[in-house]
Amino acid sequence: MRKTLPALVLFTLFSITGFCPQARAQFAVIDVSAIRQLVQEVQQMQQALQTAQNQLNQAQREYQSITGLRGMQNLLTRLRGFGLVSEPASAGG
């Protein structure tokens, strides 16, 4: 008992003061299920982004069809060229 007591005291002293070598991890831990879930989330985000882009394009086409030029200002001129519409009567005479 007398021989083990000094060894125990030294071990405790070294443990408390940090003279023992520290354990270091040698291998990285890879969580495959978390990676799989992240890949699925990225794919869902890509699909959502594509859907939003398609909706934006459709809205732009609809807006352009409502507000854009459709050539209606040239319609009367074309009809006159084909002889389908007569020249308007002049108001002065």
PDB file of N, CA and C in Angstrom:
ATOM      1  N   MET A   1       0.822  -1.189   0.000  1.00  0.00           N
ATOM      2  CA  MET A   1       0.000   0.000   0.000  1.00  0.00           C
ATOM      3  C   MET A   1       0.861   1.245   0.000  1.00  0.00           C
ATOM      4  N   ARG A   2       2.019   1.165   0.708  1.00  0.00           N
ATOM      5  CA  ARG A   2       2.889   2.329   0.779  1.00  0.00           C
ATOM      6  C   ARG A   2       3.504   2.646  -0.576  1.00  0.00           C
ATOM      7  N   LYS A   3       3.743   1.644  -1.412  1.00  0.00           N
ATOM      8  CA  LYS A   3       4.344   1.895  -2.720  1.00  0.00           C
ATOM      9  C   LYS A   3       3.310   2.418  -3.719  1.00  0.00           C
ATOM     10  N   THR A   4       2.099   2.015  -3.566  1.00  0.00           N
ATOM     11  CA  THR A   4       1.076   2.460  -4.511  1.00  0.00           C
ATOM     12  C   THR A   4       0.570   3.858  -4.192  1.00  0.00           C
ATOM     13  N   LEU A   5       0.682   4.286  -2.965  1.00  0.00           N
ATOM     14  CA  LEU A   5       0.194   5.609  -2.591  1.00  0.00           C
ATOM     15  C   LEU A   5       0.973   6.723  -3.290  1.00  0.00           C
ATOM     16  N   PRO A   6       2.302   6.707  -3.303  1.00  0.00           N
ATOM     17  CA  PRO A   6       3.013   7.769  -4.026  1.00  0.00           C
ATOM     18  C   PRO A   6       2.727   7.734  -5.537  1.00  0.00           C
ATOM     19  N   ALA A   7       2.576   6.550  -6.086  1.00  0.00           N
ATOM     20  CA  ALA A   7       2.265   6.459  -7.515  1.00  0.00           C
ATOM     21  C   ALA A   7       0.881   7.033  -7.792  1.00  0.00           C
ATOM     22  N   LEU A   8      -0.062   6.759  -6.930  1.00  0.00           N
ATOM     23  CA  LEU A   8      -1.404   7.285  -7.080  1.00  0.00           C
ATOM     24  C   LEU A   8      -1.415   8.805  -6.941  1.00  0.00           C
ATOM     25  N   VAL A   9      -0.623   9.324  -6.001  1.00  0.00           N
ATOM     26  CA  VAL A   9      -0.544  10.781  -5.812  1.00  0.00           C
ATOM     27  C   VAL A   9       0.075  11.421  -7.053  1.00  0.00           C
ATOM     28  N   LEU A  10       1.135  10.822  -7.589  1.00  0.00           N
ATOM     29  CA  LEU A  10       1.771  11.356  -8.789  1.00  0.00           C
ATOM     30  C   LEU A  10       0.822  11.308  -9.992  1.00  0.00           C
ATOM     31  N   PHE A  11       0.127  10.230 -10.144  1.00  0.00           N
ATOM     32  CA  PHE A  11      -0.818  10.106 -11.246  1.00  0.00           C
ATOM     33  C   PHE A  11      -1.902  11.164 -11.150  1.00  0.00           C
ATOM     34  N   THR A  12      -2.434  11.359  -9.932  1.00  0.00           N
ATOM     35  CA  THR A  12      -3.470  12.362  -9.720  1.00  0.00           C
ATOM     36  C   THR A  12      -2.922  13.758  -9.995  1.00  0.00           C
ATOM     37  N   LEU A  13      -1.705  14.029  -9.550  1.00  0.00           N
ATOM     38  CA  LEU A  13      -1.087  15.325  -9.769  1.00  0.00           C
ATOM     39  C   LEU A  13      -0.880  15.587 -11.258  1.00  0.00           C
ATOM     40  N   PHE A  14      -0.361  14.601 -11.962  1.00  0.00           N
ATOM     41  CA  PHE A  14      -0.160  14.756 -13.398  1.00  0.00           C
ATOM     42  C   PHE A  14      -1.489  14.909 -14.149  1.00  0.00           C
ATOM     43  N   SER A  15      -2.501  14.213 -13.721  1.00  0.00           N
ATOM     44  CA  SER A  15      -3.815  14.304 -14.364  1.00  0.00           C
ATOM     45  C   SER A  15      -4.419  15.687 -14.180  1.00  0.00           C
ATOM     46  N   ILE A  16      -4.285  16.228 -13.009  1.00  0.00           N
ATOM     47  CA  ILE A  16      -4.867  17.534 -12.717  1.00  0.00           C
ATOM     48  C   ILE A  16      -4.111  18.640 -13.450  1.00  0.00           C
ATOM     49  N   THR A  17      -2.809  18.558 -13.499  1.00  0.00           N
ATOM     50  CA  THR A  17      -2.013  19.635 -14.096  1.00  0.00           C
ATOM     51  C   THR A  17      -1.909  19.526 -15.610  1.00  0.00           C
ATOM     52  N   GLY A  18      -2.319  18.444 -16.199  1.00  0.00           N
ATOM     53  CA  GLY A  18      -2.346  18.332 -17.646  1.00  0.00           C
ATOM     54  C   GLY A  18      -1.097  17.765 -18.268  1.00  0.00           C
ATOM     55  N   PHE A  19      -0.307  17.023 -17.534  1.00  0.00           N
ATOM     56  CA  PHE A  19       0.894  16.425 -18.103  1.00  0.00           C
ATOM     57  C   PHE A  19       0.610  15.163 -18.903  1.00  0.00           C
ATOM     58  N   CYS A  20      -0.595  14.691 -18.855  1.00  0.00           N
ATOM     59  CA  CYS A  20      -0.945  13.493 -19.613  1.00  0.00           C
ATOM     60  C   CYS A  20      -1.199  13.890 -21.065  1.00  0.00           C
ATOM     61  N   PRO A  21      -0.817  13.053 -21.986  1.00  0.00           N
ATOM     62  CA  PRO A  21      -1.084  13.381 -23.397  1.00  0.00           C
ATOM     63  C   PRO A  21      -2.593  13.403 -23.660  1.00  0.00           C
ATOM     64  N   GLN A  22      -3.010  14.343 -24.482  1.00  0.00           N
ATOM     65  CA  GLN A  22      -4.428  14.461 -24.788  1.00  0.00           C
ATOM     66  C   GLN A  22      -4.778  13.535 -25.945  1.00  0.00           C
ATOM     67  N   ALA A  23      -5.964  13.017 -25.894  1.00  0.00           N
ATOM     68  CA  ALA A  23      -6.440  12.164 -26.968  1.00  0.00           C
ATOM     69  C   ALA A  23      -6.895  13.045 -28.128  1.00  0.00           C
ATOM     70  N   ARG A  24      -6.531  12.653 -29.324  1.00  0.00           N
ATOM     71  CA  ARG A  24      -6.924  13.414 -30.511  1.00  0.00           C
ATOM     72  C   ARG A  24      -7.629  12.481 -31.470  1.00  0.00           C
ATOM     73  N   ALA A  25      -8.693  12.993 -32.052  1.00  0.00           N
ATOM     74  CA  ALA A  25      -9.451  12.193 -33.018  1.00  0.00           C
ATOM     75  C   ALA A  25      -8.635  12.060 -34.298  1.00  0.00           C
ATOM     76  N   GLN A  26      -8.586  10.870 -34.849  1.00  0.00           N
ATOM     77  CA  GLN A  26      -7.808  10.616 -36.048  1.00  0.00           C
ATOM     78  C   GLN A  26      -8.665  10.569 -37.299  1.00  0.00           C
ATOM     79  N   PHE A  27      -9.971  10.363 -37.148  1.00  0.00           N
ATOM     80  CA  PHE A  27     -10.852  10.201 -38.293  1.00  0.00           C
ATOM     81  C   PHE A  27     -12.003  11.198 -38.202  1.00  0.00           C
ATOM     82  N   ALA A  28     -12.349  11.768 -39.340  1.00  0.00           N
ATOM     83  CA  ALA A  28     -13.496  12.658 -39.380  1.00  0.00           C
ATOM     84  C   ALA A  28     -14.774  11.822 -39.363  1.00  0.00           C
ATOM     85  N   VAL A  29     -15.761  12.320 -38.673  1.00  0.00           N
ATOM     86  CA  VAL A  29     -17.034  11.629 -38.595  1.00  0.00           C
ATOM     87  C   VAL A  29     -17.932  12.174 -39.703  1.00  0.00           C
ATOM     88  N   ILE A  30     -18.458  11.292 -40.519  1.00  0.00           N
ATOM     89  CA  ILE A  30     -19.321  11.683 -41.627  1.00  0.00           C
ATOM     90  C   ILE A  30     -20.719  11.141 -41.361  1.00  0.00           C
ATOM     91  N   ASP A  31     -21.672  12.051 -41.301  1.00  0.00           N
ATOM     92  CA  ASP A  31     -23.058  11.673 -41.071  1.00  0.00           C
ATOM     93  C   ASP A  31     -23.748  11.544 -42.431  1.00  0.00           C
ATOM     94  N   VAL A  32     -23.814  10.326 -42.925  1.00  0.00           N
ATOM     95  CA  VAL A  32     -24.334  10.068 -44.270  1.00  0.00           C
ATOM     96  C   VAL A  32     -25.804  10.454 -44.371  1.00  0.00           C
ATOM     97  N   SER A  33     -26.582  10.172 -43.364  1.00  0.00           N
ATOM     98  CA  SER A  33     -28.014  10.503 -43.430  1.00  0.00           C
ATOM     99  C   SER A  33     -28.238  12.014 -43.470  1.00  0.00           C
ATOM    100  N   ALA A  34     -27.407  12.776 -42.762  1.00  0.00           N
ATOM    101  CA  ALA A  34     -27.534  14.239 -42.807  1.00  0.00           C
ATOM    102  C   ALA A  34     -27.159  14.768 -44.186  1.00  0.00           C
ATOM    103  N   ILE A  35     -26.130  14.196 -44.794  1.00  0.00           N
ATOM    104  CA  ILE A  35     -25.732  14.607 -46.142  1.00  0.00           C
ATOM    105  C   ILE A  35     -26.836  14.275 -47.132  1.00  0.00           C
ATOM    106  N   ARG A  36     -27.423  13.103 -47.005  1.00  0.00           N
ATOM    107  CA  ARG A  36     -28.513  12.700 -47.890  1.00  0.00           C
ATOM    108  C   ARG A  36     -29.697  13.667 -47.760  1.00  0.00           C
ATOM    109  N   GLN A  37     -30.015  14.048 -46.541  1.00  0.00           N
ATOM    110  CA  GLN A  37     -31.119  14.978 -46.320  1.00  0.00           C
ATOM    111  C   GLN A  37     -30.804  16.349 -46.908  1.00  0.00           C
ATOM    112  N   LEU A  38     -29.564  16.807 -46.766  1.00  0.00           N
ATOM    113  CA  LEU A  38     -29.181  18.095 -47.344  1.00  0.00           C
ATOM    114  C   LEU A  38     -29.261  18.072 -48.867  1.00  0.00           C
ATOM    115  N   VAL A  39     -28.878  16.963 -49.472  1.00  0.00           N
ATOM    116  CA  VAL A  39     -28.968  16.846 -50.928  1.00  0.00           C
ATOM    117  C   VAL A  39     -30.422  16.916 -51.369  1.00  0.00           C
ATOM    118  N   GLN A  40     -31.305  16.250 -50.647  1.00  0.00           N
ATOM    119  CA  GLN A  40     -32.727  16.306 -50.980  1.00  0.00           C
ATOM    120  C   GLN A  40     -33.275  17.721 -50.829  1.00  0.00           C
ATOM    121  N   GLU A  41     -32.843  18.423 -49.792  1.00  0.00           N
ATOM    122  CA  GLU A  41     -33.310  19.790 -49.593  1.00  0.00           C
ATOM    123  C   GLU A  41     -32.821  20.705 -50.717  1.00  0.00           C
ATOM    124  N   VAL A  42     -31.589  20.510 -51.153  1.00  0.00           N
ATOM    125  CA  VAL A  42     -31.062  21.317 -52.254  1.00  0.00           C
ATOM    126  C   VAL A  42     -31.841  21.034 -53.534  1.00  0.00           C
ATOM    127  N   GLN A  43     -32.167  19.778 -53.783  1.00  0.00           N
ATOM    128  CA  GLN A  43     -32.955  19.436 -54.970  1.00  0.00           C
ATOM    129  C   GLN A  43     -34.342  20.068 -54.908  1.00  0.00           C
ATOM    130  N   GLN A  44     -34.959  20.055 -53.739  1.00  0.00           N
ATOM    131  CA  GLN A  44     -36.270  20.685 -53.581  1.00  0.00           C
ATOM    132  C   GLN A  44     -36.185  22.189 -53.787  1.00  0.00           C
ATOM    133  N   MET A  45     -35.110  22.801 -53.302  1.00  0.00           N
ATOM    134  CA  MET A  45     -34.935  24.234 -53.498  1.00  0.00           C
ATOM    135  C   MET A  45     -34.717  24.560 -54.979  1.00  0.00           C
ATOM    136  N   GLN A  46     -34.007  23.708 -55.692  1.00  0.00           N
ATOM    137  CA  GLN A  46     -33.811  23.919 -57.123  1.00  0.00           C
ATOM    138  C   GLN A  46     -35.145  23.826 -57.864  1.00  0.00           C
ATOM    139  N   GLN A  47     -35.970  22.860 -57.496  1.00  0.00           N
ATOM    140  CA  GLN A  47     -37.290  22.731 -58.120  1.00  0.00           C
ATOM    141  C   GLN A  47     -38.159  23.943 -57.808  1.00  0.00           C
ATOM    142  N   ALA A  48     -38.113  24.414 -56.571  1.00  0.00           N
ATOM    143  CA  ALA A  48     -38.896  25.589 -56.194  1.00  0.00           C
ATOM    144  C   ALA A  48     -38.414  26.823 -56.957  1.00  0.00           C
ATOM    145  N   LEU A  49     -37.107  26.949 -57.125  1.00  0.00           N
ATOM    146  CA  LEU A  49     -36.559  28.075 -57.873  1.00  0.00           C
ATOM    147  C   LEU A  49     -36.979  28.009 -59.333  1.00  0.00           C
ATOM    148  N   GLN A  50     -36.959  26.828 -59.924  1.00  0.00           N
ATOM    149  CA  GLN A  50     -37.379  26.663 -61.318  1.00  0.00           C
ATOM    150  C   GLN A  50     -38.863  26.997 -61.469  1.00  0.00           C
ATOM    151  N   THR A  51     -39.682  26.562 -60.524  1.00  0.00           N
ATOM    152  CA  THR A  51     -41.113  26.873 -60.560  1.00  0.00           C
ATOM    153  C   THR A  51     -41.344  28.376 -60.447  1.00  0.00           C
ATOM    154  N   ALA A  52     -40.620  29.019 -59.557  1.00  0.00           N
ATOM    155  CA  ALA A  52     -40.756  30.474 -59.409  1.00  0.00           C
ATOM    156  C   ALA A  52     -40.318  31.188 -60.679  1.00  0.00           C
ATOM    157  N   GLN A  53     -39.247  30.717 -61.316  1.00  0.00           N
ATOM    158  CA  GLN A  53     -38.786  31.324 -62.570  1.00  0.00           C
ATOM    159  C   GLN A  53     -39.833  31.164 -63.668  1.00  0.00           C
ATOM    160  N   ASN A  54     -40.436  29.987 -63.755  1.00  0.00           N
ATOM    161  CA  ASN A  54     -41.490  29.756 -64.742  1.00  0.00           C
ATOM    162  C   ASN A  54     -42.695  30.663 -64.494  1.00  0.00           C
ATOM    163  N   GLN A  55     -43.070  30.827 -63.235  1.00  0.00           N
ATOM    164  CA  GLN A  55     -44.189  31.703 -62.905  1.00  0.00           C
ATOM    165  C   GLN A  55     -43.876  33.156 -63.253  1.00  0.00           C
ATOM    166  N   LEU A  56     -42.641  33.587 -62.997  1.00  0.00           N
ATOM    167  CA  LEU A  56     -42.245  34.946 -63.341  1.00  0.00           C
ATOM    168  C   LEU A  56     -42.288  35.153 -64.852  1.00  0.00           C
ATOM    169  N   ASN A  57     -41.776  34.199 -65.607  1.00  0.00           N
ATOM    170  CA  ASN A  57     -41.808  34.304 -67.066  1.00  0.00           C
ATOM    171  C   ASN A  57     -43.241  34.379 -67.584  1.00  0.00           C
ATOM    172  N   GLN A  58     -44.123  33.562 -67.033  1.00  0.00           N
ATOM    173  CA  GLN A  58     -45.528  33.577 -67.447  1.00  0.00           C
ATOM    174  C   GLN A  58     -46.174  34.917 -67.117  1.00  0.00           C
ATOM    175  N   ALA A  59     -45.890  35.443 -65.943  1.00  0.00           N
ATOM    176  CA  ALA A  59     -46.452  36.736 -65.552  1.00  0.00           C
ATOM    177  C   ALA A  59     -45.928  37.846 -66.466  1.00  0.00           C
ATOM    178  N   GLN A  60     -44.659  37.783 -66.847  1.00  0.00           N
ATOM    179  CA  GLN A  60     -44.110  38.789 -67.754  1.00  0.00           C
ATOM    180  C   GLN A  60     -44.768  38.703 -69.128  1.00  0.00           C
ATOM    181  N   ARG A  61     -45.005  37.480 -69.612  1.00  0.00           N
ATOM    182  CA  ARG A  61     -45.679  37.320 -70.904  1.00  0.00           C
ATOM    183  C   ARG A  61     -47.108  37.862 -70.840  1.00  0.00           C
ATOM    184  N   GLU A  62     -47.802  37.575 -69.748  1.00  0.00           N
ATOM    185  CA  GLU A  62     -49.168  38.076 -69.597  1.00  0.00           C
ATOM    186  C   GLU A  62     -49.182  39.598 -69.525  1.00  0.00           C
ATOM    187  N   TYR A  63     -48.262  40.177 -68.791  1.00  0.00           N
ATOM    188  CA  TYR A  63     -48.191  41.634 -68.688  1.00  0.00           C
ATOM    189  C   TYR A  63     -47.894  42.249 -70.051  1.00  0.00           C
ATOM    190  N   GLN A  64     -46.978  41.655 -70.792  1.00  0.00           N
ATOM    191  CA  GLN A  64     -46.641  42.163 -72.119  1.00  0.00           C
ATOM    192  C   GLN A  64     -47.832  42.050 -73.067  1.00  0.00           C
ATOM    193  N   SER A  65     -48.593  40.986 -72.962  1.00  0.00           N
ATOM    194  CA  SER A  65     -49.759  40.834 -73.833  1.00  0.00           C
ATOM    195  C   SER A  65     -50.847  41.853 -73.504  1.00  0.00           C
ATOM    196  N   ILE A  66     -50.902  42.306 -72.265  1.00  0.00           N
ATOM    197  CA  ILE A  66     -51.903  43.286 -71.871  1.00  0.00           C
ATOM    198  C   ILE A  66     -51.454  44.701 -72.234  1.00  0.00           C
ATOM    199  N   THR A  67     -50.191  45.022 -72.017  1.00  0.00           N
ATOM    200  CA  THR A  67     -49.728  46.403 -72.158  1.00  0.00           C
ATOM    201  C   THR A  67     -48.903  46.642 -73.414  1.00  0.00           C
ATOM    202  N   GLY A  68     -48.385  45.616 -74.034  1.00  0.00           N
ATOM    203  CA  GLY A  68     -47.465  45.802 -75.145  1.00  0.00           C
ATOM    204  C   GLY A  68     -48.152  46.177 -76.441  1.00  0.00           C
ATOM    205  N   LEU A  69     -47.323  46.561 -77.410  1.00  0.00           N
ATOM    206  CA  LEU A  69     -47.822  46.907 -78.737  1.00  0.00           C
ATOM    207  C   LEU A  69     -48.178  45.634 -79.485  1.00  0.00           C
ATOM    208  N   ARG A  70     -49.343  45.650 -80.091  1.00  0.00           N
ATOM    209  CA  ARG A  70     -49.784  44.487 -80.848  1.00  0.00           C
ATOM    210  C   ARG A  70     -50.012  44.845 -82.319  1.00  0.00           C
ATOM    211  N   GLY A  71     -49.635  46.049 -82.710  1.00  0.00           N
ATOM    212  CA  GLY A  71     -49.781  46.453 -84.096  1.00  0.00           C
ATOM    213  C   GLY A  71     -51.173  46.913 -84.458  1.00  0.00           C
ATOM    214  N   MET A  72     -52.012  47.187 -83.477  1.00  0.00           N
ATOM    215  CA  MET A  72     -53.377  47.631 -83.776  1.00  0.00           C
ATOM    216  C   MET A  72     -53.374  48.977 -84.491  1.00  0.00           C
ATOM    217  N   GLN A  73     -52.341  49.795 -84.258  1.00  0.00           N
ATOM    218  CA  GLN A  73     -52.286  51.097 -84.909  1.00  0.00           C
ATOM    219  C   GLN A  73     -52.102  50.958 -86.419  1.00  0.00           C
ATOM    220  N   ASN A  74     -51.602  49.832 -86.880  1.00  0.00           N
ATOM    221  CA  ASN A  74     -51.388  49.610 -88.308  1.00  0.00           C
ATOM    222  C   ASN A  74     -52.562  48.898 -88.979  1.00  0.00           C
ATOM    223  N   LEU A  75     -53.524  48.476 -88.228  1.00  0.00           N
ATOM    224  CA  LEU A  75     -54.620  47.675 -88.771  1.00  0.00           C
ATOM    225  C   LEU A  75     -55.440  48.453 -89.801  1.00  0.00           C
ATOM    226  N   LEU A  76     -55.797  49.665 -89.472  1.00  0.00           N
ATOM    227  CA  LEU A  76     -56.617  50.467 -90.386  1.00  0.00           C
ATOM    228  C   LEU A  76     -55.856  50.769 -91.682  1.00  0.00           C
ATOM    229  N   THR A  77     -54.575  51.053 -91.555  1.00  0.00           N
ATOM    230  CA  THR A  77     -53.766  51.330 -92.744  1.00  0.00           C
ATOM    231  C   THR A  77     -53.706  50.111 -93.651  1.00  0.00           C
ATOM    232  N   ARG A  78     -53.549  48.959 -93.095  1.00  0.00           N
ATOM    233  CA  ARG A  78     -53.504  47.724 -93.890  1.00  0.00           C
ATOM    234  C   ARG A  78     -54.844  47.467 -94.582  1.00  0.00           C
ATOM    235  N   LEU A  79     -55.928  47.681 -93.856  1.00  0.00           N
ATOM    236  CA  LEU A  79     -57.248  47.452 -94.441  1.00  0.00           C
ATOM    237  C   LEU A  79     -57.510  48.422 -95.594  1.00  0.00           C
ATOM    238  N   ARG A  80     -57.058  49.653 -95.445  1.00  0.00           N
ATOM    239  CA  ARG A  80     -57.209  50.628 -96.542  1.00  0.00           C
ATOM    240  C   ARG A  80     -56.373  50.201 -97.749  1.00  0.00           C
ATOM    241  N   GLY A  81     -55.212  49.674 -97.507  1.00  0.00           N
ATOM    242  CA  GLY A  81     -54.352  49.225 -98.598  1.00  0.00           C
ATOM    243  C   GLY A  81     -54.993  48.112 -99.388  1.00  0.00           C
ATOM    244  N   PHE A  82     -55.794  47.293 -98.749  1.00  0.00           N
ATOM    245  CA  PHE A  82     -56.483  46.203 -99.436  1.00  0.00           C
ATOM    246  C   PHE A  82     -57.828  46.643-100.010  1.00  0.00           C
ATOM    247  N   GLY A  83     -58.200  47.869 -99.784  1.00  0.00           N
ATOM    248  CA  GLY A  83     -59.467  48.385-100.300  1.00  0.00           C
ATOM    249  C   GLY A  83     -60.658  47.943 -99.472  1.00  0.00           C
ATOM    250  N   LEU A  84     -60.433  47.492 -98.259  1.00  0.00           N
ATOM    251  CA  LEU A  84     -61.529  47.036 -97.428  1.00  0.00           C
ATOM    252  C   LEU A  84     -62.191  48.166 -96.649  1.00  0.00           C
ATOM    253  N   VAL A  85     -61.477  49.288 -96.480  1.00  0.00           N
ATOM    254  CA  VAL A  85     -62.021  50.416 -95.741  1.00  0.00           C
ATOM    255  C   VAL A  85     -61.827  51.643 -96.613  1.00  0.00           C
ATOM    256  N   SER A  86     -62.888  52.449 -96.712  1.00  0.00           N
ATOM    257  CA  SER A  86     -62.782  53.666 -97.515  1.00  0.00           C
ATOM    258  C   SER A  86     -62.117  54.760 -96.718  1.00  0.00           C
ATOM    259  N   GLU A  87     -61.624  55.762 -97.417  1.00  0.00           N
ATOM    260  CA  GLU A  87     -61.010  56.902 -96.768  1.00  0.00           C
ATOM    261  C   GLU A  87     -62.080  57.674 -96.011  1.00  0.00           C
ATOM    262  N   PRO A  88     -61.741  58.194 -94.841  1.00  0.00           N
ATOM    263  CA  PRO A  88     -62.741  58.953 -94.110  1.00  0.00           C
ATOM    264  C   PRO A  88     -63.060  60.249 -94.835  1.00  0.00           C
ATOM    265  N   ALA A  89     -64.295  60.667 -94.713  1.00  0.00           N
ATOM    266  CA  ALA A  89     -64.730  61.922 -95.342  1.00  0.00           C
ATOM    267  C   ALA A  89     -64.120  63.090 -94.604  1.00  0.00           C
ATOM    268  N   SER A  90     -63.688  64.087 -95.339  1.00  0.00           N
ATOM    269  CA  SER A  90     -63.091  65.235 -94.687  1.00  0.00           C
ATOM    270  C   SER A  90     -64.185  66.087 -94.078  1.00  0.00           C
ATOM    271  N   ALA A  91     -63.923  66.675 -92.946  1.00  0.00           N
ATOM    272  CA  ALA A  91     -64.922  67.443 -92.240  1.00  0.00           C
ATOM    273  C   ALA A  91     -65.142  68.822 -92.866  1.00  0.00           C
ATOM    274  N   GLY A  92     -64.192  69.316 -93.618  1.00  0.00           N
ATOM    275  CA  GLY A  92     -64.300  70.665 -94.164  1.00  0.00           C
ATOM    276  C   GLY A  92     -64.966  70.724 -95.526  1.00  0.00           C
ATOM    277  N   GLY A  93     -65.299  69.665 -96.143  1.00  0.00           N
ATOM    278  CA  GLY A  93     -65.813  69.807 -97.313  1.00  0.00           C
ATOM    279  C   GLY A  93     -66.444  69.439 -98.424  1.00  0.00           C
TER     280      GLY A  93
END
